[in-house]
Amino acid sequence: MALRQASDFAHLAAEIKQAGLLARRRGYYFARIGVNLAVYAAAWVAFALLGDSWWQLAVAAVLAAMTTQLAFIGHDAGHKQIFATKKWNEITGYVHSGLVGVSYDWWVGKHNRHHANPNHEDEDPDVDITVLAFTQRQGADKRGVLRWIASHQAVLFFPLLLLEGFALHWHSIRYSGRERYVMIANVVVYLGVVFWVLSPVYAIAFILVHQALWGLYMGCSFAPNHKGMPVLSAGHSLDFLRKQVLTSRNIRGGWFTDILLGGLNYQIEHHLFPSMPRPALKHAQVIVHNFCEQRGISYAQCGLFRSYGYVLEHLHEVAAPLRAKVAA
C-alpha cells in the first residue's frame, strides 16, 4: 500500500510535467510586477499631493491592497516560481520584502516548514499562533488572558487580523537576522514620510487604516487555505500526496479571485508543486482534481465566504471546552 501511494505522486508529477505546467512564465511576472509597482508608486504620489485630508484614508486602503499584492510576489519568489535561478528569485524577494517590511529570510524559513508539514500540530508554525487554538490540546495549554481570547476566538478572529500587519513588522525585526536593519529602516522611513506630510491626527489615522487593512487582507488571503481542515499529529501515516491534499482547501472563483488571492486559491496544487508559476495553477487544478477523484482522495474546494464559515466553525468547536470552563 505504501509503495502504491508513493507512486501516485510520481504519476501525477509526470502528468503535470508533460503538460508543461512547471515552465517559467517570466512574461506574466514582468507584467504583474510592473503593474503592481506602478499602482503602488501612484498611490504614494497621490499621498504626497493630497496633503492633510481625510481622503488620505482612501489612499491608505489602496496601499493596503497593493502592499498585499507585493507580498504575493514575494511569496512566489520565495518558492522560486518566477525565475529559473535562485539568485534572481532572491533578488526579487528581497526587493519586495524591503518595500513591504516583512523579512524575506524569516518568512521563507517559516513558510518552508509549513509546506513540509501543513496543519501539523507540532511542526507547522502556521498552527502555532499565540492567541489562537487550532486543537483542543492547544486550547488546554492557554492561560490567563490568552485562554479568554482563545475561548472567544471565533468572534475575535477577524478583529485580531487587523493586528496582523503590526505583528508581521515586529516579527520581521525580531527574527530577521541580517535583514534586521532593512526592516528597521522600512519602519523609520515609513513613519518619517507619513508624519512629514501629515499632521499627527491624520498621520495616526493613515497608519492605522493602512496597517490594519493590510493585516486583514493578508489574513483573509491565507486563512481559507488550511484552517478548518484536518490537523495532523505525530505518527500520522499519510504519504506526501495525501498529506498535502487532505490538509488544504481550494477556493472557487474566476479571474478576480485569482488576482484577489494571488493564486493562493489553488492551495492544493500549490502545495503539491510549490515552484509552479502562479498562472499555471488553474490548469493544474483540472488535472489534480481528476487524479484525486479517480483514486478516491478527498479534494476540498468551496466559495470564498463559505471557506471563512468553515474557519469560524472550526475555531468555535475547538474553543468549546474553554467556554465551558469559563462558564463554570
C-alpha atoms as a PDB file:
ATOM      1  CA  MET A   1       0.000   0.000   0.000  1.00  0.00           C
ATOM      2  CA  ALA A   2       2.780   2.452   0.949  1.00  0.00           C
ATOM      3  CA  LEU A   3       4.624   1.843  -2.333  1.00  0.00           C
ATOM      4  CA  ARG A   4       1.432   2.285  -4.345  1.00  0.00           C
ATOM      5  CA  GLN A   5       0.649   5.550  -2.573  1.00  0.00           C
ATOM      6  CA  ALA A   6       4.185   6.821  -3.120  1.00  0.00           C
ATOM      7  CA  SER A   7       3.900   6.037  -6.805  1.00  0.00           C
ATOM      8  CA  ASP A   8       0.643   8.020  -7.025  1.00  0.00           C
ATOM      9  CA  PHE A   9       2.508  11.313  -6.715  1.00  0.00           C
ATOM     10  CA  ALA A  10       5.135  10.194  -9.221  1.00  0.00           C
ATOM     11  CA  HIS A  11       2.390   9.526 -11.758  1.00  0.00           C
ATOM     12  CA  LEU A  12       0.743  12.881 -11.058  1.00  0.00           C
ATOM     13  CA  ALA A  13       4.056  14.737 -11.283  1.00  0.00           C
ATOM     14  CA  ALA A  14       4.795  13.101 -14.634  1.00  0.00           C
ATOM     15  CA  GLU A  15       1.397  14.196 -15.954  1.00  0.00           C
ATOM     16  CA  ILE A  16       1.939  17.750 -14.738  1.00  0.00           C
ATOM     17  CA  LYS A  17       5.421  17.907 -16.266  1.00  0.00           C
ATOM     18  CA  GLN A  18       4.172  16.502 -19.571  1.00  0.00           C
ATOM     19  CA  ALA A  19       1.563  19.292 -19.671  1.00  0.00           C
ATOM     20  CA  GLY A  20       4.378  21.845 -19.441  1.00  0.00           C
ATOM     21  CA  LEU A  21       2.988  23.441 -16.286  1.00  0.00           C
ATOM     22  CA  LEU A  22       6.330  23.756 -14.490  1.00  0.00           C
ATOM     23  CA  ALA A  23       7.882  26.002 -17.152  1.00  0.00           C
ATOM     24  CA  ARG A  24       8.752  29.564 -16.068  1.00  0.00           C
ATOM     25  CA  ARG A  25       6.313  32.339 -17.047  1.00  0.00           C
ATOM     26  CA  ARG A  26       8.576  35.392 -16.955  1.00  0.00           C
ATOM     27  CA  GLY A  27       6.356  37.476 -19.242  1.00  0.00           C
ATOM     28  CA  TYR A  28       3.436  37.125 -16.855  1.00  0.00           C
ATOM     29  CA  TYR A  29       5.552  38.061 -13.853  1.00  0.00           C
ATOM     30  CA  PHE A  30       7.216  41.040 -15.557  1.00  0.00           C
ATOM     31  CA  ALA A  31       3.759  42.396 -16.378  1.00  0.00           C
ATOM     32  CA  ARG A  32       2.375  41.674 -12.909  1.00  0.00           C
ATOM     33  CA  ILE A  33       5.352  43.215 -11.122  1.00  0.00           C
ATOM     34  CA  GLY A  34       5.267  46.252 -13.407  1.00  0.00           C
ATOM     35  CA  VAL A  35       1.573  46.897 -12.778  1.00  0.00           C
ATOM     36  CA  ASN A  36       1.964  46.391  -9.029  1.00  0.00           C
ATOM     37  CA  LEU A  37       4.875  48.796  -8.730  1.00  0.00           C
ATOM     38  CA  ALA A  38       3.183  51.391 -10.937  1.00  0.00           C
ATOM     39  CA  VAL A  39      -0.009  51.394  -8.852  1.00  0.00           C
ATOM     40  CA  TYR A  40       1.985  51.330  -5.612  1.00  0.00           C
ATOM     41  CA  ALA A  41       4.091  54.325  -6.739  1.00  0.00           C
ATOM     42  CA  ALA A  42       0.987  56.190  -7.977  1.00  0.00           C
ATOM     43  CA  ALA A  43      -0.632  55.748  -4.570  1.00  0.00           C
ATOM     44  CA  TRP A  44       2.374  57.342  -2.867  1.00  0.00           C
ATOM     45  CA  VAL A  45       2.332  60.209  -5.388  1.00  0.00           C
ATOM     46  CA  ALA A  46      -1.343  60.765  -4.561  1.00  0.00           C
ATOM     47  CA  PHE A  47      -0.411  60.695  -0.883  1.00  0.00           C
ATOM     48  CA  ALA A  48       2.180  63.438  -1.398  1.00  0.00           C
ATOM     49  CA  LEU A  49      -0.182  65.620  -3.453  1.00  0.00           C
ATOM     50  CA  LEU A  50      -3.245  65.335  -1.188  1.00  0.00           C
ATOM     51  CA  GLY A  51      -1.596  66.596   1.982  1.00  0.00           C
ATOM     52  CA  ASP A  52      -3.699  66.911   5.122  1.00  0.00           C
ATOM     53  CA  SER A  53      -7.034  65.402   4.161  1.00  0.00           C
ATOM     54  CA  TRP A  54      -9.337  62.614   5.245  1.00  0.00           C
ATOM     55  CA  TRP A  55      -9.120  61.448   1.630  1.00  0.00           C
ATOM     56  CA  GLN A  56      -5.769  60.045   2.679  1.00  0.00           C
ATOM     57  CA  LEU A  57      -7.670  57.151   4.249  1.00  0.00           C
ATOM     58  CA  ALA A  58      -8.711  56.086   0.743  1.00  0.00           C
ATOM     59  CA  VAL A  59      -5.036  56.191  -0.256  1.00  0.00           C
ATOM     60  CA  ALA A  60      -4.252  54.075   2.818  1.00  0.00           C
ATOM     61  CA  ALA A  61      -6.800  51.477   1.658  1.00  0.00           C
ATOM     62  CA  VAL A  62      -5.237  51.354  -1.834  1.00  0.00           C
ATOM     63  CA  LEU A  63      -1.780  50.979  -0.286  1.00  0.00           C
ATOM     64  CA  ALA A  64      -3.044  48.145   1.919  1.00  0.00           C
ATOM     65  CA  ALA A  65      -4.240  46.296  -1.176  1.00  0.00           C
ATOM     66  CA  MET A  66      -1.018  46.930  -3.084  1.00  0.00           C
ATOM     67  CA  THR A  67       1.187  46.005  -0.120  1.00  0.00           C
ATOM     68  CA  THR A  68      -0.551  42.626  -0.116  1.00  0.00           C
ATOM     69  CA  GLN A  69      -0.109  42.261  -3.872  1.00  0.00           C
ATOM     70  CA  LEU A  70       3.610  42.987  -3.440  1.00  0.00           C
ATOM     71  CA  ALA A  71       3.714  40.356  -0.686  1.00  0.00           C
ATOM     72  CA  PHE A  72       2.175  37.822  -3.095  1.00  0.00           C
ATOM     73  CA  ILE A  73       5.092  38.408  -5.484  1.00  0.00           C
ATOM     74  CA  GLY A  74       7.493  37.923  -2.568  1.00  0.00           C
ATOM     75  CA  HIS A  75       5.699  34.648  -1.825  1.00  0.00           C
ATOM     76  CA  ASP A  76       6.125  33.465  -5.417  1.00  0.00           C
ATOM     77  CA  ALA A  77       9.801  34.459  -5.420  1.00  0.00           C
ATOM     78  CA  GLY A  78      10.300  32.539  -2.179  1.00  0.00           C
ATOM     79  CA  HIS A  79       9.023  29.414  -3.933  1.00  0.00           C
ATOM     80  CA  LYS A  80      11.257  30.067  -6.977  1.00  0.00           C
ATOM     81  CA  GLN A  81       8.226  30.366  -9.228  1.00  0.00           C
ATOM     82  CA  ILE A  82       9.439  33.397 -11.169  1.00  0.00           C
ATOM     83  CA  PHE A  83      12.973  32.699 -12.411  1.00  0.00           C
ATOM     84  CA  ALA A  84      14.938  29.511 -13.060  1.00  0.00           C
ATOM     85  CA  THR A  85      17.863  30.654 -10.903  1.00  0.00           C
ATOM     86  CA  LYS A  86      17.924  31.076  -7.122  1.00  0.00           C
ATOM     87  CA  LYS A  87      19.792  34.387  -7.452  1.00  0.00           C
ATOM     88  CA  TRP A  88      17.099  36.295  -9.353  1.00  0.00           C
ATOM     89  CA  ASN A  89      14.278  34.872  -7.275  1.00  0.00           C
ATOM     90  CA  GLU A  90      16.084  36.030  -4.141  1.00  0.00           C
ATOM     91  CA  ILE A  91      16.729  39.497  -5.565  1.00  0.00           C
ATOM     92  CA  THR A  92      13.023  39.806  -6.387  1.00  0.00           C
ATOM     93  CA  GLY A  93      12.094  38.523  -2.945  1.00  0.00           C
ATOM     94  CA  TYR A  94      14.440  40.881  -1.085  1.00  0.00           C
ATOM     95  CA  VAL A  95      13.274  43.918  -3.068  1.00  0.00           C
ATOM     96  CA  HIS A  96       9.624  43.180  -2.375  1.00  0.00           C
ATOM     97  CA  SER A  97      10.272  42.363   1.280  1.00  0.00           C
ATOM     98  CA  GLY A  98      12.057  45.690   1.627  1.00  0.00           C
ATOM     99  CA  LEU A  99       9.014  47.518   0.233  1.00  0.00           C
ATOM    100  CA  VAL A 100       6.528  45.556   2.336  1.00  0.00           C
ATOM    101  CA  GLY A 101       8.575  45.488   5.535  1.00  0.00           C
ATOM    102  CA  VAL A 102       8.467  41.710   6.046  1.00  0.00           C
ATOM    103  CA  SER A 103      11.744  39.818   6.356  1.00  0.00           C
ATOM    104  CA  TYR A 104      12.292  37.571   3.355  1.00  0.00           C
ATOM    105  CA  ASP A 105      14.660  35.196   5.156  1.00  0.00           C
ATOM    106  CA  TRP A 106      12.428  34.846   8.213  1.00  0.00           C
ATOM    107  CA  TRP A 107       9.297  34.323   6.149  1.00  0.00           C
ATOM    108  CA  VAL A 108      10.848  31.798   3.727  1.00  0.00           C
ATOM    109  CA  GLY A 109      12.171  29.696   6.594  1.00  0.00           C
ATOM    110  CA  LYS A 110       8.835  29.764   8.380  1.00  0.00           C
ATOM    111  CA  HIS A 111       6.851  29.111   5.217  1.00  0.00           C
ATOM    112  CA  ASN A 112       9.039  26.178   4.148  1.00  0.00           C
ATOM    113  CA  ARG A 113       8.384  24.495   7.498  1.00  0.00           C
ATOM    114  CA  HIS A 114       4.671  24.990   6.867  1.00  0.00           C
ATOM    115  CA  HIS A 115       4.885  23.399   3.418  1.00  0.00           C
ATOM    116  CA  ALA A 116       6.821  20.418   4.761  1.00  0.00           C
ATOM    117  CA  ASN A 117       4.178  19.667   7.398  1.00  0.00           C
ATOM    118  CA  PRO A 118       0.939  21.551   6.672  1.00  0.00           C
ATOM    119  CA  ASN A 119      -1.553  21.669   9.532  1.00  0.00           C
ATOM    120  CA  HIS A 120       0.727  19.548  11.724  1.00  0.00           C
ATOM    121  CA  GLU A 121       0.018  20.341  15.358  1.00  0.00           C
ATOM    122  CA  ASP A 122       3.682  20.195  16.403  1.00  0.00           C
ATOM    123  CA  GLU A 123       5.614  21.105  13.256  1.00  0.00           C
ATOM    124  CA  ASP A 124       3.616  23.697  11.290  1.00  0.00           C
ATOM    125  CA  PRO A 125       4.339  27.238  12.557  1.00  0.00           C
ATOM    126  CA  ASP A 126       1.073  28.435  10.988  1.00  0.00           C
ATOM    127  CA  VAL A 127      -0.927  26.469  13.568  1.00  0.00           C
ATOM    128  CA  ASP A 128       1.241  27.701  16.420  1.00  0.00           C
ATOM    129  CA  ILE A 129      -0.269  31.141  16.986  1.00  0.00           C
ATOM    130  CA  THR A 130      -0.136  32.609  20.474  1.00  0.00           C
ATOM    131  CA  VAL A 131      -3.668  33.996  20.598  1.00  0.00           C
ATOM    132  CA  LEU A 132      -5.470  31.138  18.809  1.00  0.00           C
ATOM    133  CA  ALA A 133      -6.039  27.429  19.413  1.00  0.00           C
ATOM    134  CA  PHE A 134      -6.451  25.120  16.442  1.00  0.00           C
ATOM    135  CA  THR A 135      -6.724  21.963  18.556  1.00  0.00           C
ATOM    136  CA  GLN A 136      -8.204  21.303  21.974  1.00  0.00           C
ATOM    137  CA  ARG A 137      -4.734  20.412  23.242  1.00  0.00           C
ATOM    138  CA  GLN A 138      -3.508  23.875  22.269  1.00  0.00           C
ATOM    139  CA  GLY A 139      -6.537  25.395  23.993  1.00  0.00           C
ATOM    140  CA  ALA A 140      -5.850  23.492  27.206  1.00  0.00           C
ATOM    141  CA  ASP A 141      -2.333  24.964  27.309  1.00  0.00           C
ATOM    142  CA  LYS A 142      -3.591  28.566  27.245  1.00  0.00           C
ATOM    143  CA  ARG A 143      -3.516  30.566  30.464  1.00  0.00           C
ATOM    144  CA  GLY A 144      -4.854  33.913  31.646  1.00  0.00           C
ATOM    145  CA  VAL A 145      -5.946  36.405  29.015  1.00  0.00           C
ATOM    146  CA  LEU A 146      -4.800  34.062  26.219  1.00  0.00           C
ATOM    147  CA  ARG A 147      -7.266  31.450  27.440  1.00  0.00           C
ATOM    148  CA  TRP A 148     -10.084  34.021  27.402  1.00  0.00           C
ATOM    149  CA  ILE A 149      -9.163  35.118  23.866  1.00  0.00           C
ATOM    150  CA  ALA A 150      -8.991  31.501  22.692  1.00  0.00           C
ATOM    151  CA  SER A 151     -12.378  30.744  24.245  1.00  0.00           C
ATOM    152  CA  HIS A 152     -13.901  33.543  22.116  1.00  0.00           C
ATOM    153  CA  GLN A 153     -11.603  33.105  19.110  1.00  0.00           C
ATOM    154  CA  ALA A 154     -14.344  32.614  16.529  1.00  0.00           C
ATOM    155  CA  VAL A 155     -15.834  36.009  17.373  1.00  0.00           C
ATOM    156  CA  LEU A 156     -12.436  37.677  17.695  1.00  0.00           C
ATOM    157  CA  PHE A 157     -10.821  36.109  14.622  1.00  0.00           C
ATOM    158  CA  PHE A 158     -11.387  38.921  12.107  1.00  0.00           C
ATOM    159  CA  PRO A 159     -10.742  41.737  14.627  1.00  0.00           C
ATOM    160  CA  LEU A 160      -7.449  40.035  15.508  1.00  0.00           C
ATOM    161  CA  LEU A 161      -6.463  40.037  11.832  1.00  0.00           C
ATOM    162  CA  LEU A 162      -6.467  43.846  11.991  1.00  0.00           C
ATOM    163  CA  LEU A 163      -3.326  43.496  14.131  1.00  0.00           C
ATOM    164  CA  GLU A 164      -1.602  41.028  11.797  1.00  0.00           C
ATOM    165  CA  GLY A 165       0.263  43.722   9.848  1.00  0.00           C
ATOM    166  CA  PHE A 166       1.803  45.162  13.006  1.00  0.00           C
ATOM    167  CA  ALA A 167       2.728  41.637  14.137  1.00  0.00           C
ATOM    168  CA  LEU A 168       4.463  40.877  10.830  1.00  0.00           C
ATOM    169  CA  HIS A 169       6.612  44.013  11.134  1.00  0.00           C
ATOM    170  CA  TRP A 170       7.507  43.157  14.731  1.00  0.00           C
ATOM    171  CA  HIS A 171       8.396  39.521  13.985  1.00  0.00           C
ATOM    172  CA  SER A 172      10.436  40.617  10.964  1.00  0.00           C
ATOM    173  CA  ILE A 173      12.539  42.942  13.083  1.00  0.00           C
ATOM    174  CA  ARG A 174      12.845  40.456  15.924  1.00  0.00           C
ATOM    175  CA  TYR A 175      13.742  37.363  13.892  1.00  0.00           C
ATOM    176  CA  SER A 176      15.185  38.707  10.630  1.00  0.00           C
ATOM    177  CA  GLY A 177      18.919  38.398  11.364  1.00  0.00           C
ATOM    178  CA  ARG A 178      20.892  40.084   8.572  1.00  0.00           C
ATOM    179  CA  GLU A 179      17.760  41.849   7.286  1.00  0.00           C
ATOM    180  CA  ARG A 180      17.023  43.495  10.624  1.00  0.00           C
ATOM    181  CA  TYR A 181      18.430  46.886   9.672  1.00  0.00           C
ATOM    182  CA  VAL A 182      16.482  46.925   6.408  1.00  0.00           C
ATOM    183  CA  MET A 183      13.295  46.145   8.336  1.00  0.00           C
ATOM    184  CA  ILE A 184      14.025  48.900  10.854  1.00  0.00           C
ATOM    185  CA  ALA A 185      14.812  51.307   8.000  1.00  0.00           C
ATOM    186  CA  ASN A 186      11.475  50.443   6.394  1.00  0.00           C
ATOM    187  CA  VAL A 187       9.618  51.422   9.562  1.00  0.00           C
ATOM    188  CA  VAL A 188      11.678  54.590  10.130  1.00  0.00           C
ATOM    189  CA  VAL A 189      11.298  55.827   6.539  1.00  0.00           C
ATOM    190  CA  TYR A 190       7.590  54.973   6.501  1.00  0.00           C
ATOM    191  CA  LEU A 191       6.880  56.837   9.739  1.00  0.00           C
ATOM    192  CA  GLY A 192       9.116  59.729   8.699  1.00  0.00           C
ATOM    193  CA  VAL A 193       7.324  60.213   5.369  1.00  0.00           C
ATOM    194  CA  VAL A 194       3.841  59.923   6.881  1.00  0.00           C
ATOM    195  CA  PHE A 195       4.496  62.376   9.713  1.00  0.00           C
ATOM    196  CA  TRP A 196       6.371  64.742   7.370  1.00  0.00           C
ATOM    197  CA  VAL A 197       3.399  65.068   5.020  1.00  0.00           C
ATOM    198  CA  LEU A 198       0.533  64.760   7.504  1.00  0.00           C
ATOM    199  CA  SER A 199      -0.298  66.383  10.812  1.00  0.00           C
ATOM    200  CA  PRO A 200      -0.300  63.974  13.796  1.00  0.00           C
ATOM    201  CA  VAL A 201      -4.031  63.160  13.810  1.00  0.00           C
ATOM    202  CA  TYR A 202      -4.159  62.465  10.066  1.00  0.00           C
ATOM    203  CA  ALA A 203      -0.850  60.567  10.232  1.00  0.00           C
ATOM    204  CA  ILE A 204      -2.009  58.241  13.000  1.00  0.00           C
ATOM    205  CA  ALA A 205      -5.326  57.607  11.245  1.00  0.00           C
ATOM    206  CA  PHE A 206      -3.484  56.873   7.981  1.00  0.00           C
ATOM    207  CA  ILE A 207      -1.109  54.397   9.646  1.00  0.00           C
ATOM    208  CA  LEU A 208      -3.896  52.599  11.484  1.00  0.00           C
ATOM    209  CA  VAL A 209      -6.028  52.198   8.358  1.00  0.00           C
ATOM    210  CA  HIS A 210      -3.102  51.167   6.130  1.00  0.00           C
ATOM    211  CA  GLN A 211      -1.625  48.607   8.518  1.00  0.00           C
ATOM    212  CA  ALA A 212      -4.946  47.246   9.785  1.00  0.00           C
ATOM    213  CA  LEU A 213      -6.394  46.704   6.308  1.00  0.00           C
ATOM    214  CA  TRP A 214      -3.137  45.178   5.102  1.00  0.00           C
ATOM    215  CA  GLY A 215      -3.170  42.719   8.001  1.00  0.00           C
ATOM    216  CA  LEU A 216      -6.829  41.921   7.386  1.00  0.00           C
ATOM    217  CA  TYR A 217      -6.247  41.347   3.658  1.00  0.00           C
ATOM    218  CA  MET A 218      -3.215  39.144   4.315  1.00  0.00           C
ATOM    219  CA  GLY A 219      -5.050  37.118   6.941  1.00  0.00           C
ATOM    220  CA  CYS A 220      -8.144  36.715   4.795  1.00  0.00           C
ATOM    221  CA  SER A 221      -5.944  35.502   1.912  1.00  0.00           C
ATOM    222  CA  PHE A 222      -4.094  32.832   3.876  1.00  0.00           C
ATOM    223  CA  ALA A 223      -6.721  31.699   6.408  1.00  0.00           C
ATOM    224  CA  PRO A 224      -9.029  29.796   3.996  1.00  0.00           C
ATOM    225  CA  ASN A 225      -6.192  27.586   2.776  1.00  0.00           C
ATOM    226  CA  HIS A 226      -5.859  25.209   5.746  1.00  0.00           C
ATOM    227  CA  LYS A 227      -7.853  26.451   8.727  1.00  0.00           C
ATOM    228  CA  GLY A 228     -10.763  24.128   9.391  1.00  0.00           C
ATOM    229  CA  MET A 229      -9.070  21.268   7.526  1.00  0.00           C
ATOM    230  CA  PRO A 230      -7.792  18.143   9.342  1.00  0.00           C
ATOM    231  CA  VAL A 231      -4.993  18.837  11.826  1.00  0.00           C
ATOM    232  CA  LEU A 232      -2.278  16.168  11.853  1.00  0.00           C
ATOM    233  CA  SER A 233      -0.238  14.978  14.810  1.00  0.00           C
ATOM    234  CA  ALA A 234       2.880  12.887  15.335  1.00  0.00           C
ATOM    235  CA  GLY A 235       2.684   9.373  13.949  1.00  0.00           C
ATOM    236  CA  HIS A 236       0.312  10.004  11.055  1.00  0.00           C
ATOM    237  CA  SER A 237       0.763   7.630   8.118  1.00  0.00           C
ATOM    238  CA  LEU A 238      -0.128   9.891   5.188  1.00  0.00           C
ATOM    239  CA  ASP A 239       2.150   9.944   2.145  1.00  0.00           C
ATOM    240  CA  PHE A 240       3.214  13.259   0.574  1.00  0.00           C
ATOM    241  CA  LEU A 241       0.308  13.458  -1.889  1.00  0.00           C
ATOM    242  CA  ARG A 242      -2.413  12.796   0.673  1.00  0.00           C
ATOM    243  CA  LYS A 243      -0.758  14.920   3.374  1.00  0.00           C
ATOM    244  CA  GLN A 244      -0.797  17.941   1.082  1.00  0.00           C
ATOM    245  CA  VAL A 245      -4.239  17.389  -0.457  1.00  0.00           C
ATOM    246  CA  LEU A 246      -6.177  16.406   2.665  1.00  0.00           C
ATOM    247  CA  THR A 247      -4.948  19.366   4.727  1.00  0.00           C
ATOM    248  CA  SER A 248      -5.556  22.009   2.022  1.00  0.00           C
ATOM    249  CA  ARG A 249      -8.614  23.731   0.602  1.00  0.00           C
ATOM    250  CA  ASN A 250      -9.134  25.429  -2.763  1.00  0.00           C
ATOM    251  CA  ILE A 251     -11.319  28.486  -3.265  1.00  0.00           C
ATOM    252  CA  ARG A 252     -13.594  28.546  -6.291  1.00  0.00           C
ATOM    253  CA  GLY A 253     -13.793  31.645  -8.466  1.00  0.00           C
ATOM    254  CA  GLY A 254     -12.687  33.158 -11.738  1.00  0.00           C
ATOM    255  CA  TRP A 255     -10.022  35.634 -12.711  1.00  0.00           C
ATOM    256  CA  PHE A 256     -10.991  38.108  -9.977  1.00  0.00           C
ATOM    257  CA  THR A 257     -10.437  35.512  -7.237  1.00  0.00           C
ATOM    258  CA  ASP A 258      -7.108  34.597  -8.839  1.00  0.00           C
ATOM    259  CA  ILE A 259      -5.966  38.219  -8.569  1.00  0.00           C
ATOM    260  CA  LEU A 260      -7.583  38.853  -5.185  1.00  0.00           C
ATOM    261  CA  LEU A 261      -5.879  35.865  -3.531  1.00  0.00           C
ATOM    262  CA  GLY A 262      -2.661  35.928  -5.529  1.00  0.00           C
ATOM    263  CA  GLY A 263      -3.063  32.329  -6.703  1.00  0.00           C
ATOM    264  CA  LEU A 264      -3.425  31.043  -3.144  1.00  0.00           C
ATOM    265  CA  ASN A 265      -6.939  29.948  -4.061  1.00  0.00           C
ATOM    266  CA  TYR A 266      -5.276  26.959  -5.782  1.00  0.00           C
ATOM    267  CA  GLN A 267      -3.792  25.856  -2.479  1.00  0.00           C
ATOM    268  CA  ILE A 268      -3.868  22.128  -3.195  1.00  0.00           C
ATOM    269  CA  GLU A 269      -1.942  22.456  -6.445  1.00  0.00           C
ATOM    270  CA  HIS A 270       0.435  24.978  -4.878  1.00  0.00           C
ATOM    271  CA  HIS A 271       1.274  22.586  -2.042  1.00  0.00           C
ATOM    272  CA  LEU A 272       1.840  19.695  -4.398  1.00  0.00           C
ATOM    273  CA  PHE A 273       4.016  21.768  -6.757  1.00  0.00           C
ATOM    274  CA  PRO A 274       5.327  24.813  -4.821  1.00  0.00           C
ATOM    275  CA  SER A 275       7.577  26.020  -7.652  1.00  0.00           C
ATOM    276  CA  MET A 276       4.778  26.001 -10.235  1.00  0.00           C
ATOM    277  CA  PRO A 277       4.244  29.542 -11.624  1.00  0.00           C
ATOM    278  CA  ARG A 278       1.040  31.189 -10.476  1.00  0.00           C
ATOM    279  CA  PRO A 279      -0.705  31.344 -13.907  1.00  0.00           C
ATOM    280  CA  ALA A 280      -0.226  27.579 -14.402  1.00  0.00           C
ATOM    281  CA  LEU A 281      -2.069  26.630 -11.213  1.00  0.00           C
ATOM    282  CA  LYS A 282      -5.554  26.923 -12.726  1.00  0.00           C
ATOM    283  CA  HIS A 283      -4.570  24.487 -15.471  1.00  0.00           C
ATOM    284  CA  ALA A 284      -3.025  22.086 -12.962  1.00  0.00           C
ATOM    285  CA  GLN A 285      -6.225  22.214 -10.917  1.00  0.00           C
ATOM    286  CA  VAL A 286      -8.164  20.292 -13.563  1.00  0.00           C
ATOM    287  CA  ILE A 287      -5.516  17.565 -13.714  1.00  0.00           C
ATOM    288  CA  VAL A 288      -5.103  17.252  -9.938  1.00  0.00           C
ATOM    289  CA  HIS A 289      -8.846  17.219  -9.250  1.00  0.00           C
ATOM    290  CA  ASN A 290      -9.442  14.440 -11.773  1.00  0.00           C
ATOM    291  CA  PHE A 291      -6.450  12.489 -10.466  1.00  0.00           C
ATOM    292  CA  CYS A 292      -7.730  12.646  -6.874  1.00  0.00           C
ATOM    293  CA  GLU A 293     -11.256  11.755  -7.928  1.00  0.00           C
ATOM    294  CA  GLN A 294     -10.041   8.635  -9.737  1.00  0.00           C
ATOM    295  CA  ARG A 295      -8.225   7.466  -6.594  1.00  0.00           C
ATOM    296  CA  GLY A 296     -10.906   8.356  -4.084  1.00  0.00           C
ATOM    297  CA  ILE A 297      -8.841  11.114  -2.426  1.00  0.00           C
ATOM    298  CA  SER A 298     -10.999  13.809  -0.860  1.00  0.00           C
ATOM    299  CA  TYR A 299     -10.471  17.138  -2.671  1.00  0.00           C
ATOM    300  CA  ALA A 300     -11.813  20.171  -0.770  1.00  0.00           C
ATOM    301  CA  GLN A 301     -12.998  23.287  -2.576  1.00  0.00           C
ATOM    302  CA  CYS A 302     -15.679  25.865  -1.879  1.00  0.00           C
ATOM    303  CA  GLY A 303     -16.535  29.540  -2.316  1.00  0.00           C
ATOM    304  CA  LEU A 304     -14.566  32.245  -0.518  1.00  0.00           C
ATOM    305  CA  PHE A 305     -17.212  33.196   2.030  1.00  0.00           C
ATOM    306  CA  ARG A 306     -18.058  29.563   2.749  1.00  0.00           C
ATOM    307  CA  SER A 307     -14.389  28.961   3.492  1.00  0.00           C
ATOM    308  CA  TYR A 308     -14.500  31.625   6.202  1.00  0.00           C
ATOM    309  CA  GLY A 309     -17.550  29.855   7.600  1.00  0.00           C
ATOM    310  CA  TYR A 310     -15.543  26.638   7.879  1.00  0.00           C
ATOM    311  CA  VAL A 311     -12.714  28.510   9.597  1.00  0.00           C
ATOM    312  CA  LEU A 312     -15.033  30.098  12.173  1.00  0.00           C
ATOM    313  CA  GLU A 313     -16.922  26.844  12.758  1.00  0.00           C
ATOM    314  CA  HIS A 314     -13.645  25.050  13.477  1.00  0.00           C
ATOM    315  CA  LEU A 315     -12.406  27.757  15.848  1.00  0.00           C
ATOM    316  CA  HIS A 316     -15.763  27.771  17.657  1.00  0.00           C
ATOM    317  CA  GLU A 317     -15.759  23.984  18.034  1.00  0.00           C
ATOM    318  CA  VAL A 318     -12.181  23.820  19.299  1.00  0.00           C
ATOM    319  CA  ALA A 319     -12.904  26.512  21.896  1.00  0.00           C
ATOM    320  CA  ALA A 320     -15.997  24.749  23.294  1.00  0.00           C
ATOM    321  CA  PRO A 321     -14.168  23.179  26.311  1.00  0.00           C
ATOM    322  CA  LEU A 322     -12.643  26.553  27.171  1.00  0.00           C
ATOM    323  CA  ARG A 323     -16.031  28.274  27.115  1.00  0.00           C
ATOM    324  CA  ALA A 324     -17.436  25.527  29.327  1.00  0.00           C
ATOM    325  CA  LYS A 325     -14.674  26.109  31.884  1.00  0.00           C
ATOM    326  CA  VAL A 326     -15.215  29.871  31.813  1.00  0.00           C
ATOM    327  CA  ALA A 327     -18.957  29.379  32.317  1.00  0.00           C
ATOM    328  CA  ALA A 328     -18.335  27.008  35.232  1.00  0.00           C
END
